[in-house]
Amino acid sequence: MHSSSFVYFLTNKNNTVLYIGVTRNLPFRIAEHKARINKGFTKKYGVEKLVYYEVYPTIMEGVSREKQLKKWKRKWKIDLIESENSKWKDISHEVGVDEDLIQSVKDRITS
């Protein structure tokens, strides 16, 4: 992952909660969510399944898109996800997230 920013959608195991975020390092950020190390919304609701992401050349463009998407109706967000991932599969492996990365994130935080 060599691009400057990523906008991503996470959901919980039942696909009932949507979370939109932006980051410069998508694999590491998703591993943080999966490790449940950060307190807050995603930990509280078990939101760790990556179902959609977009790539942007700058963080400013990514932040702008994130803000735009957060204003969208839920139906529009669902349609966007389903245009690329109709079965709502966890696609975190596609961006390089595996158990080793998740464990290294946990280790980094606890050491």
C-alpha atoms as a PDB file:
ATOM      1  CA  MET A   1       0.000   0.000   0.000  1.00  0.00           C
ATOM      2  CA  HIS A   2       1.972   3.008  -1.240  1.00  0.00           C
ATOM      3  CA  SER A   3      -0.816   5.556  -1.714  1.00  0.00           C
ATOM      4  CA  SER A   4      -1.231   8.554   0.507  1.00  0.00           C
ATOM      5  CA  SER A   5      -4.685   7.916   1.946  1.00  0.00           C
ATOM      6  CA  PHE A   6      -7.540   5.485   2.173  1.00  0.00           C
ATOM      7  CA  VAL A   7     -11.189   5.959   3.018  1.00  0.00           C
ATOM      8  CA  TYR A   8     -12.670   2.767   4.401  1.00  0.00           C
ATOM      9  CA  PHE A   9     -15.922   1.232   5.593  1.00  0.00           C
ATOM     10  CA  LEU A  10     -16.055  -1.196   8.484  1.00  0.00           C
ATOM     11  CA  THR A  11     -19.001  -3.116   9.827  1.00  0.00           C
ATOM     12  CA  ASN A  12     -19.749  -5.644  12.550  1.00  0.00           C
ATOM     13  CA  LYS A  13     -20.320  -9.379  12.069  1.00  0.00           C
ATOM     14  CA  ASN A  14     -24.053  -8.882  11.418  1.00  0.00           C
ATOM     15  CA  ASN A  15     -23.499  -5.957   9.018  1.00  0.00           C
ATOM     16  CA  THR A  16     -25.778  -3.715  11.078  1.00  0.00           C
ATOM     17  CA  VAL A  17     -23.312  -0.968  12.023  1.00  0.00           C
ATOM     18  CA  LEU A  18     -21.339   1.156   9.562  1.00  0.00           C
ATOM     19  CA  TYR A  19     -18.149   3.053  10.324  1.00  0.00           C
ATOM     20  CA  ILE A  20     -16.276   5.277   7.897  1.00  0.00           C
ATOM     21  CA  GLY A  21     -12.656   6.227   8.506  1.00  0.00           C
ATOM     22  CA  VAL A  22      -9.627   7.677   6.758  1.00  0.00           C
ATOM     23  CA  THR A  23      -5.986   6.716   7.205  1.00  0.00           C
ATOM     24  CA  ARG A  24      -2.576   6.843   5.557  1.00  0.00           C
ATOM     25  CA  ASN A  25      -1.788   3.212   6.468  1.00  0.00           C
ATOM     26  CA  LEU A  26      -4.783   0.979   5.780  1.00  0.00           C
ATOM     27  CA  PRO A  27      -3.325  -2.400   6.827  1.00  0.00           C
ATOM     28  CA  PHE A  28      -2.066  -1.042  10.154  1.00  0.00           C
ATOM     29  CA  ARG A  29      -5.304   0.836  10.878  1.00  0.00           C
ATOM     30  CA  ILE A  30      -7.479  -2.199  10.135  1.00  0.00           C
ATOM     31  CA  ALA A  31      -5.194  -4.340  12.314  1.00  0.00           C
ATOM     32  CA  GLU A  32      -5.736  -1.807  15.124  1.00  0.00           C
ATOM     33  CA  HIS A  33      -9.495  -2.207  14.753  1.00  0.00           C
ATOM     34  CA  LYS A  34      -9.219  -6.006  14.702  1.00  0.00           C
ATOM     35  CA  ALA A  35      -6.970  -5.956  17.770  1.00  0.00           C
ATOM     36  CA  ARG A  36      -9.592  -3.790  19.527  1.00  0.00           C
ATOM     37  CA  ILE A  37      -6.914  -1.692  21.157  1.00  0.00           C
ATOM     38  CA  ASN A  38      -8.568   1.711  20.748  1.00  0.00           C
ATOM     39  CA  LYS A  39     -11.483   2.618  22.975  1.00  0.00           C
ATOM     40  CA  GLY A  40     -14.492   4.083  21.279  1.00  0.00           C
ATOM     41  CA  PHE A  41     -17.223   3.382  18.769  1.00  0.00           C
ATOM     42  CA  THR A  42     -15.584   0.535  16.848  1.00  0.00           C
ATOM     43  CA  LYS A  43     -14.582  -1.365  19.981  1.00  0.00           C
ATOM     44  CA  LYS A  44     -17.964  -0.828  21.640  1.00  0.00           C
ATOM     45  CA  TYR A  45     -19.902  -2.146  18.636  1.00  0.00           C
ATOM     46  CA  GLY A  46     -17.453  -4.827  17.444  1.00  0.00           C
ATOM     47  CA  VAL A  47     -16.811  -3.021  14.178  1.00  0.00           C
ATOM     48  CA  GLU A  48     -13.757  -4.631  12.576  1.00  0.00           C
ATOM     49  CA  LYS A  49     -14.792  -6.113   9.222  1.00  0.00           C
ATOM     50  CA  LEU A  50     -13.408  -4.195   6.233  1.00  0.00           C
ATOM     51  CA  VAL A  51     -16.034  -4.217   3.485  1.00  0.00           C
ATOM     52  CA  TYR A  52     -15.000  -1.329   1.219  1.00  0.00           C
ATOM     53  CA  TYR A  53     -12.187   1.137   0.649  1.00  0.00           C
ATOM     54  CA  GLU A  54     -11.100   3.840  -1.763  1.00  0.00           C
ATOM     55  CA  VAL A  55      -7.592   5.151  -2.489  1.00  0.00           C
ATOM     56  CA  TYR A  56      -6.676   8.852  -2.720  1.00  0.00           C
ATOM     57  CA  PRO A  57      -3.375  10.507  -3.663  1.00  0.00           C
ATOM     58  CA  THR A  58      -3.424  12.932  -0.721  1.00  0.00           C
ATOM     59  CA  ILE A  59      -4.708  12.868   2.836  1.00  0.00           C
ATOM     60  CA  MET A  60      -6.657  16.078   2.135  1.00  0.00           C
ATOM     61  CA  GLU A  61      -8.597  14.346  -0.638  1.00  0.00           C
ATOM     62  CA  GLY A  62      -9.215  11.348   1.599  1.00  0.00           C
ATOM     63  CA  VAL A  63     -10.509  13.522   4.451  1.00  0.00           C
ATOM     64  CA  SER A  64     -12.745  15.415   2.031  1.00  0.00           C
ATOM     65  CA  ARG A  65     -14.238  12.160   0.719  1.00  0.00           C
ATOM     66  CA  GLU A  66     -14.704  10.797   4.251  1.00  0.00           C
ATOM     67  CA  LYS A  67     -16.662  13.921   5.225  1.00  0.00           C
ATOM     68  CA  GLN A  68     -18.770  13.638   2.074  1.00  0.00           C
ATOM     69  CA  LEU A  69     -19.586   9.961   2.699  1.00  0.00           C
ATOM     70  CA  LYS A  70     -20.506  10.582   6.336  1.00  0.00           C
ATOM     71  CA  LYS A  71     -23.257  12.928   5.117  1.00  0.00           C
ATOM     72  CA  TRP A  72     -24.737  10.315   2.790  1.00  0.00           C
ATOM     73  CA  LYS A  73     -27.943   8.438   3.510  1.00  0.00           C
ATOM     74  CA  ARG A  74     -27.422   4.897   4.784  1.00  0.00           C
ATOM     75  CA  LYS A  75     -28.965   3.451   1.601  1.00  0.00           C
ATOM     76  CA  TRP A  76     -26.393   5.234  -0.558  1.00  0.00           C
ATOM     77  CA  LYS A  77     -23.563   3.857   1.595  1.00  0.00           C
ATOM     78  CA  ILE A  78     -24.969   0.338   1.341  1.00  0.00           C
ATOM     79  CA  ASP A  79     -25.310   0.686  -2.445  1.00  0.00           C
ATOM     80  CA  LEU A  80     -21.684   1.839  -2.677  1.00  0.00           C
ATOM     81  CA  ILE A  81     -20.441  -1.127  -0.625  1.00  0.00           C
ATOM     82  CA  GLU A  82     -22.558  -3.590  -2.599  1.00  0.00           C
ATOM     83  CA  SER A  83     -21.311  -2.206  -5.929  1.00  0.00           C
ATOM     84  CA  GLU A  84     -17.911  -3.736  -5.058  1.00  0.00           C
ATOM     85  CA  ASN A  85     -18.670  -6.302  -2.341  1.00  0.00           C
ATOM     86  CA  SER A  86     -22.204  -7.644  -2.715  1.00  0.00           C
ATOM     87  CA  LYS A  87     -21.748 -10.363  -0.089  1.00  0.00           C
ATOM     88  CA  TRP A  88     -20.181  -8.012   2.498  1.00  0.00           C
ATOM     89  CA  LYS A  89     -17.117 -10.227   2.869  1.00  0.00           C
ATOM     90  CA  ASP A  90     -14.213  -9.114   5.044  1.00  0.00           C
ATOM     91  CA  ILE A  91     -11.635  -7.948   2.509  1.00  0.00           C
ATOM     92  CA  SER A  92      -8.914  -7.044   5.010  1.00  0.00           C
ATOM     93  CA  HIS A  93      -6.675  -9.833   3.672  1.00  0.00           C
ATOM     94  CA  GLU A  94      -6.656  -8.028   0.300  1.00  0.00           C
ATOM     95  CA  VAL A  95      -4.828  -5.094   1.898  1.00  0.00           C
ATOM     96  CA  GLY A  96      -2.322  -7.220   3.797  1.00  0.00           C
ATOM     97  CA  VAL A  97      -3.985  -7.743   7.165  1.00  0.00           C
ATOM     98  CA  ASP A  98      -3.251 -11.139   8.702  1.00  0.00           C
ATOM     99  CA  GLU A  99      -2.898 -12.601  12.186  1.00  0.00           C
ATOM    100  CA  ASP A 100       0.807 -11.724  12.325  1.00  0.00           C
ATOM    101  CA  LEU A 101       0.096  -8.041  11.674  1.00  0.00           C
ATOM    102  CA  ILE A 102      -2.720  -7.994  14.216  1.00  0.00           C
ATOM    103  CA  GLN A 103      -0.454  -9.600  16.806  1.00  0.00           C
ATOM    104  CA  SER A 104       2.373  -7.156  16.065  1.00  0.00           C
ATOM    105  CA  VAL A 105      -0.040  -4.268  16.601  1.00  0.00           C
ATOM    106  CA  LYS A 106      -1.103  -5.751  19.946  1.00  0.00           C
ATOM    107  CA  ASP A 107       2.541  -6.284  20.910  1.00  0.00           C
ATOM    108  CA  ARG A 108       3.490  -2.721  19.984  1.00  0.00           C
ATOM    109  CA  ILE A 109       0.752  -1.305  22.188  1.00  0.00           C
ATOM    110  CA  THR A 110       1.408  -3.531  25.199  1.00  0.00           C
ATOM    111  CA  SER A 111       5.190  -3.124  25.209  1.00  0.00           C
END
